[in-house]
Amino acid sequence: MRKVLLIIGFLAVAIGLLWIGQGTGVIAWPASSFMIKQTQWAWYGAALAALGLILIWRGRR
C-alpha cells in the first residue's frame, strides 16, 4: 500500500505542476490545449499537487 501511495502521489504532483504551468501560460504544450493561460487550471493544479504531497507524506510514514 505504501508504494501505491507514493506512485499516485508522485503522479499527482507531476500532473499538478503541469496544470500550474499551463494555467499560468509558462508551459504552452500542447499548443492546442484549452488549459493554456486559464488561471483556474493553475488553482486546480495547485490543489492536485498539494494532494500529491499529502499522499507522498502518508506513503513515507
N, C-alpha and C. Protein backbone atom coordinates (compact mmCIF):
# COMPACT_ATOMS: atom_id res chain seq x y z
N MET A 1 0.81 -1.19 0.00
CA MET A 1 0.00 0.00 0.00
C MET A 1 0.86 1.26 0.00
N ARG A 2 2.00 1.19 0.68
CA ARG A 2 2.87 2.37 0.73
C ARG A 2 3.38 2.74 -0.65
N LYS A 3 3.76 1.72 -1.45
CA LYS A 3 4.27 2.01 -2.79
C LYS A 3 3.20 2.62 -3.67
N VAL A 4 1.97 2.15 -3.52
CA VAL A 4 0.86 2.69 -4.31
C VAL A 4 0.65 4.16 -3.97
N LEU A 5 0.66 4.49 -2.68
CA LEU A 5 0.50 5.89 -2.27
C LEU A 5 1.63 6.76 -2.84
N LEU A 6 2.85 6.25 -2.80
CA LEU A 6 3.97 7.02 -3.33
C LEU A 6 3.85 7.24 -4.83
N ILE A 7 3.49 6.20 -5.56
CA ILE A 7 3.37 6.32 -7.02
C ILE A 7 2.26 7.30 -7.38
N ILE A 8 1.10 7.13 -6.76
CA ILE A 8 -0.01 8.04 -7.05
C ILE A 8 0.34 9.47 -6.63
N GLY A 9 1.03 9.61 -5.51
CA GLY A 9 1.43 10.93 -5.04
C GLY A 9 2.38 11.62 -6.00
N PHE A 10 3.39 10.89 -6.49
CA PHE A 10 4.32 11.50 -7.44
C PHE A 10 3.64 11.85 -8.76
N LEU A 11 2.74 10.99 -9.21
CA LEU A 11 1.99 11.31 -10.44
C LEU A 11 1.11 12.54 -10.25
N ALA A 12 0.47 12.64 -9.09
CA ALA A 12 -0.38 13.80 -8.81
C ALA A 12 0.43 15.08 -8.77
N VAL A 13 1.60 15.04 -8.17
CA VAL A 13 2.46 16.23 -8.12
C VAL A 13 2.90 16.61 -9.54
N ALA A 14 3.31 15.64 -10.34
CA ALA A 14 3.77 15.93 -11.70
C ALA A 14 2.65 16.52 -12.56
N ILE A 15 1.47 15.92 -12.49
CA ILE A 15 0.34 16.44 -13.27
C ILE A 15 -0.08 17.81 -12.75
N GLY A 16 -0.07 17.98 -11.43
CA GLY A 16 -0.41 19.27 -10.85
C GLY A 16 0.54 20.37 -11.29
N LEU A 17 1.82 20.06 -11.34
CA LEU A 17 2.79 21.07 -11.81
C LEU A 17 2.59 21.38 -13.29
N LEU A 18 2.23 20.38 -14.08
CA LEU A 18 1.94 20.63 -15.49
C LEU A 18 0.72 21.54 -15.62
N TRP A 19 -0.32 21.29 -14.84
CA TRP A 19 -1.52 22.13 -14.89
C TRP A 19 -1.22 23.55 -14.43
N ILE A 20 -0.37 23.69 -13.42
CA ILE A 20 0.02 25.04 -12.98
C ILE A 20 0.75 25.75 -14.12
N GLY A 21 1.68 25.06 -14.75
CA GLY A 21 2.42 25.66 -15.85
C GLY A 21 1.53 26.05 -17.01
N GLN A 22 0.59 25.19 -17.36
CA GLN A 22 -0.31 25.52 -18.46
C GLN A 22 -1.27 26.64 -18.06
N GLY A 23 -1.78 26.60 -16.85
CA GLY A 23 -2.72 27.62 -16.41
C GLY A 23 -2.12 29.00 -16.34
N THR A 24 -0.85 29.08 -16.00
CA THR A 24 -0.18 30.38 -15.94
C THR A 24 0.40 30.79 -17.28
N GLY A 25 0.42 29.88 -18.23
CA GLY A 25 0.95 30.20 -19.56
C GLY A 25 2.44 29.97 -19.70
N VAL A 26 3.08 29.42 -18.67
CA VAL A 26 4.51 29.15 -18.72
C VAL A 26 4.79 27.97 -19.64
N ILE A 27 3.92 26.97 -19.59
CA ILE A 27 4.07 25.81 -20.47
C ILE A 27 2.95 25.87 -21.51
N ALA A 28 3.32 26.00 -22.75
CA ALA A 28 2.34 26.08 -23.84
C ALA A 28 2.36 24.79 -24.65
N TRP A 29 2.33 23.67 -23.95
CA TRP A 29 2.36 22.37 -24.61
C TRP A 29 1.22 21.53 -24.10
N PRO A 30 0.50 20.88 -24.93
CA PRO A 30 0.45 21.01 -26.38
C PRO A 30 -0.21 22.33 -26.78
N ALA A 31 0.13 22.81 -27.92
CA ALA A 31 -0.32 24.14 -28.35
C ALA A 31 -1.84 24.24 -28.44
N SER A 32 -2.51 23.14 -28.66
CA SER A 32 -3.97 23.17 -28.80
C SER A 32 -4.71 22.98 -27.47
N SER A 33 -3.99 22.97 -26.35
CA SER A 33 -4.60 22.72 -25.05
C SER A 33 -5.53 23.87 -24.65
N PHE A 34 -6.70 23.51 -24.14
CA PHE A 34 -7.67 24.51 -23.69
C PHE A 34 -7.30 25.10 -22.33
N MET A 35 -6.29 24.56 -21.68
CA MET A 35 -5.92 25.00 -20.33
C MET A 35 -4.88 26.12 -20.33
N ILE A 36 -4.31 26.43 -21.48
CA ILE A 36 -3.24 27.43 -21.54
C ILE A 36 -3.80 28.81 -21.20
N LYS A 37 -3.15 29.46 -20.25
CA LYS A 37 -3.50 30.80 -19.76
C LYS A 37 -4.91 30.87 -19.20
N GLN A 38 -5.36 29.79 -18.59
CA GLN A 38 -6.63 29.75 -17.88
C GLN A 38 -6.30 29.59 -16.39
N THR A 39 -6.41 30.67 -15.65
CA THR A 39 -5.94 30.70 -14.27
C THR A 39 -6.60 29.64 -13.39
N GLN A 40 -7.83 29.27 -13.69
CA GLN A 40 -8.50 28.27 -12.87
C GLN A 40 -7.73 26.95 -12.87
N TRP A 41 -7.06 26.63 -13.99
CA TRP A 41 -6.31 25.38 -14.06
C TRP A 41 -5.05 25.45 -13.22
N ALA A 42 -4.51 26.64 -13.03
CA ALA A 42 -3.37 26.78 -12.12
C ALA A 42 -3.81 26.45 -10.69
N TRP A 43 -5.00 26.88 -10.31
CA TRP A 43 -5.53 26.58 -8.97
C TRP A 43 -5.83 25.10 -8.83
N TYR A 44 -6.42 24.49 -9.87
CA TYR A 44 -6.67 23.05 -9.83
C TYR A 44 -5.35 22.28 -9.70
N GLY A 45 -4.34 22.74 -10.42
CA GLY A 45 -3.03 22.10 -10.36
C GLY A 45 -2.40 22.23 -8.99
N ALA A 46 -2.56 23.39 -8.37
CA ALA A 46 -2.01 23.58 -7.02
C ALA A 46 -2.70 22.64 -6.03
N ALA A 47 -4.00 22.49 -6.16
CA ALA A 47 -4.73 21.59 -5.27
C ALA A 47 -4.30 20.14 -5.50
N LEU A 48 -4.14 19.76 -6.76
CA LEU A 48 -3.73 18.38 -7.06
C LEU A 48 -2.31 18.12 -6.57
N ALA A 49 -1.41 19.08 -6.74
CA ALA A 49 -0.04 18.92 -6.26
C ALA A 49 -0.01 18.83 -4.74
N ALA A 50 -0.83 19.61 -4.07
CA ALA A 50 -0.90 19.53 -2.60
C ALA A 50 -1.41 18.16 -2.16
N LEU A 51 -2.42 17.66 -2.85
CA LEU A 51 -2.92 16.32 -2.54
C LEU A 51 -1.83 15.28 -2.76
N GLY A 52 -1.08 15.44 -3.84
CA GLY A 52 0.03 14.52 -4.11
C GLY A 52 1.08 14.55 -3.02
N LEU A 53 1.40 15.73 -2.52
CA LEU A 53 2.37 15.83 -1.43
C LEU A 53 1.86 15.15 -0.16
N ILE A 54 0.57 15.28 0.10
CA ILE A 54 -0.01 14.60 1.26
C ILE A 54 0.09 13.09 1.09
N LEU A 55 -0.20 12.59 -0.12
CA LEU A 55 -0.10 11.16 -0.37
C LEU A 55 1.34 10.66 -0.22
N ILE A 56 2.29 11.45 -0.69
CA ILE A 56 3.70 11.08 -0.54
C ILE A 56 4.07 11.04 0.94
N TRP A 57 3.65 12.04 1.68
CA TRP A 57 3.93 12.08 3.10
C TRP A 57 3.32 10.88 3.82
N ARG A 58 2.08 10.54 3.47
CA ARG A 58 1.43 9.38 4.10
C ARG A 58 2.12 8.07 3.69
N GLY A 59 2.60 8.01 2.45
CA GLY A 59 3.27 6.79 1.99
C GLY A 59 4.64 6.58 2.62
N ARG A 60 5.26 7.65 3.08
CA ARG A 60 6.59 7.54 3.68
C ARG A 60 6.51 7.30 5.19
N ARG A 61 5.33 7.42 5.78
CA ARG A 61 5.16 7.21 7.23
C ARG A 61 5.15 5.75 7.58
